[in-house]
């Protein structure tokens, strides 16, 4: 688990789509004077412990802004 502080484009191509589908939930809170976005993924139905929290990423304000801008750019969101 980690706090993401920046996001940069990787010039490599995605070779395959991952076969597993799973839910993701988010949380937003202030911690130590910083606004933090947290994304939590949960085990798929085929996992040994389905529905158990699996991975967590936290984004500080700069990384959240980077993510927002790249989603707008890459998907054409307004």
C-alpha atoms as a PDB file:
ATOM      1  CA  UNK A   1       0.000   0.000   0.000  1.00  0.00           C
ATOM      2  CA  UNK A   2       1.274   3.409  -0.927  1.00  0.00           C
ATOM      3  CA  UNK A   3       0.478   7.066  -1.436  1.00  0.00           C
ATOM      4  CA  UNK A   4       0.713   8.009  -5.115  1.00  0.00           C
ATOM      5  CA  UNK A   5       2.445  11.374  -5.491  1.00  0.00           C
ATOM      6  CA  UNK A   6       2.642  11.655  -9.292  1.00  0.00           C
ATOM      7  CA  UNK A   7       1.377   9.962 -12.431  1.00  0.00           C
ATOM      8  CA  UNK A   8       3.388   9.718 -15.638  1.00  0.00           C
ATOM      9  CA  UNK A   9       2.587   8.160 -19.006  1.00  0.00           C
ATOM     10  CA  UNK A  10       4.300   4.853 -19.796  1.00  0.00           C
ATOM     11  CA  UNK A  11       4.983   4.600 -23.531  1.00  0.00           C
ATOM     12  CA  UNK A  12       4.657   0.817 -23.626  1.00  0.00           C
ATOM     13  CA  UNK A  13       1.517  -0.811 -25.042  1.00  0.00           C
ATOM     14  CA  UNK A  14      -0.976  -2.844 -23.008  1.00  0.00           C
ATOM     15  CA  UNK A  15      -0.499  -6.394 -24.292  1.00  0.00           C
ATOM     16  CA  UNK A  16      -3.660  -7.983 -22.928  1.00  0.00           C
ATOM     17  CA  UNK A  17      -6.766  -7.185 -20.934  1.00  0.00           C
ATOM     18  CA  UNK A  18      -6.729  -8.723 -17.451  1.00  0.00           C
ATOM     19  CA  UNK A  19      -9.363 -11.471 -17.228  1.00  0.00           C
ATOM     20  CA  UNK A  20     -10.495 -10.783 -13.660  1.00  0.00           C
ATOM     21  CA  UNK A  21     -13.294  -8.317 -12.915  1.00  0.00           C
ATOM     22  CA  UNK A  22     -13.668  -6.887  -9.428  1.00  0.00           C
ATOM     23  CA  UNK A  23     -15.277  -4.010  -7.546  1.00  0.00           C
ATOM     24  CA  UNK A  24     -13.496  -0.849  -6.465  1.00  0.00           C
ATOM     25  CA  UNK A  25     -14.672   1.532  -3.768  1.00  0.00           C
ATOM     26  CA  UNK A  26     -13.300   4.958  -2.934  1.00  0.00           C
ATOM     27  CA  UNK A  27     -12.921   7.034   0.189  1.00  0.00           C
ATOM     28  CA  UNK A  28     -11.938  10.686   0.590  1.00  0.00           C
ATOM     29  CA  UNK A  29     -10.768  12.263   3.821  1.00  0.00           C
ATOM     30  CA  UNK A  30      -8.420  14.762   5.344  1.00  0.00           C
ATOM     31  CA  UNK A  31      -5.372  13.279   7.018  1.00  0.00           C
ATOM     32  CA  UNK A  32      -2.577  15.299   8.591  1.00  0.00           C
ATOM     33  CA  UNK A  33      -3.774  18.404   6.740  1.00  0.00           C
ATOM     34  CA  UNK A  34      -3.926  16.686   3.328  1.00  0.00           C
ATOM     35  CA  UNK A  35      -6.971  15.659   1.314  1.00  0.00           C
ATOM     36  CA  UNK A  36      -6.492  12.006   0.321  1.00  0.00           C
ATOM     37  CA  UNK A  37      -8.380   9.900  -2.230  1.00  0.00           C
ATOM     38  CA  UNK A  38      -8.198   6.169  -1.491  1.00  0.00           C
ATOM     39  CA  UNK A  39      -9.178   3.441  -3.973  1.00  0.00           C
ATOM     40  CA  UNK A  40      -9.805  -0.033  -2.548  1.00  0.00           C
ATOM     41  CA  UNK A  41     -10.202  -3.152  -4.681  1.00  0.00           C
ATOM     42  CA  UNK A  42     -11.911  -6.283  -3.445  1.00  0.00           C
ATOM     43  CA  UNK A  43     -11.401  -9.944  -4.240  1.00  0.00           C
ATOM     44  CA  UNK A  44     -13.257 -11.332  -7.243  1.00  0.00           C
ATOM     45  CA  UNK A  45     -15.878 -14.057  -6.980  1.00  0.00           C
ATOM     46  CA  UNK A  46     -13.265 -16.672  -7.940  1.00  0.00           C
ATOM     47  CA  UNK A  47     -10.726 -15.640  -5.301  1.00  0.00           C
ATOM     48  CA  UNK A  48     -10.141 -17.723  -2.164  1.00  0.00           C
ATOM     49  CA  UNK A  49     -11.653 -14.898  -0.057  1.00  0.00           C
ATOM     50  CA  UNK A  50     -14.185 -13.220  -2.383  1.00  0.00           C
ATOM     51  CA  UNK A  51     -15.116  -9.686  -1.392  1.00  0.00           C
ATOM     52  CA  UNK A  52     -12.118  -9.243   0.921  1.00  0.00           C
ATOM     53  CA  UNK A  53     -10.228  -5.971   0.493  1.00  0.00           C
ATOM     54  CA  UNK A  54      -7.281  -6.695  -1.725  1.00  0.00           C
ATOM     55  CA  UNK A  55      -5.324  -3.630  -2.794  1.00  0.00           C
ATOM     56  CA  UNK A  56      -5.335   0.015  -1.751  1.00  0.00           C
ATOM     57  CA  UNK A  57      -3.923   3.096  -3.452  1.00  0.00           C
ATOM     58  CA  UNK A  58      -3.968   6.543  -1.887  1.00  0.00           C
ATOM     59  CA  UNK A  59      -3.626   9.702  -3.987  1.00  0.00           C
ATOM     60  CA  UNK A  60      -2.452  13.021  -2.624  1.00  0.00           C
ATOM     61  CA  UNK A  61      -3.927  16.190  -4.138  1.00  0.00           C
ATOM     62  CA  UNK A  62      -1.237  16.495  -6.836  1.00  0.00           C
ATOM     63  CA  UNK A  63      -1.639  12.897  -7.992  1.00  0.00           C
ATOM     64  CA  UNK A  64      -5.443  13.179  -7.901  1.00  0.00           C
ATOM     65  CA  UNK A  65      -5.181  16.255 -10.129  1.00  0.00           C
ATOM     66  CA  UNK A  66      -2.869  14.332 -12.498  1.00  0.00           C
ATOM     67  CA  UNK A  67      -5.386  11.469 -12.592  1.00  0.00           C
ATOM     68  CA  UNK A  68      -8.293  13.858 -13.251  1.00  0.00           C
ATOM     69  CA  UNK A  69      -6.429  15.546 -16.110  1.00  0.00           C
ATOM     70  CA  UNK A  70      -5.306  12.318 -17.728  1.00  0.00           C
ATOM     71  CA  UNK A  71      -8.848  10.885 -17.600  1.00  0.00           C
ATOM     72  CA  UNK A  72     -10.168  14.035 -19.279  1.00  0.00           C
ATOM     73  CA  UNK A  73      -7.437  13.858 -21.935  1.00  0.00           C
ATOM     74  CA  UNK A  74      -7.433  10.109 -22.631  1.00  0.00           C
ATOM     75  CA  UNK A  75     -11.228   9.581 -22.573  1.00  0.00           C
ATOM     76  CA  UNK A  76     -12.290  13.004 -23.838  1.00  0.00           C
ATOM     77  CA  UNK A  77     -14.249  13.841 -20.690  1.00  0.00           C
ATOM     78  CA  UNK A  78     -15.357  17.444 -20.361  1.00  0.00           C
END
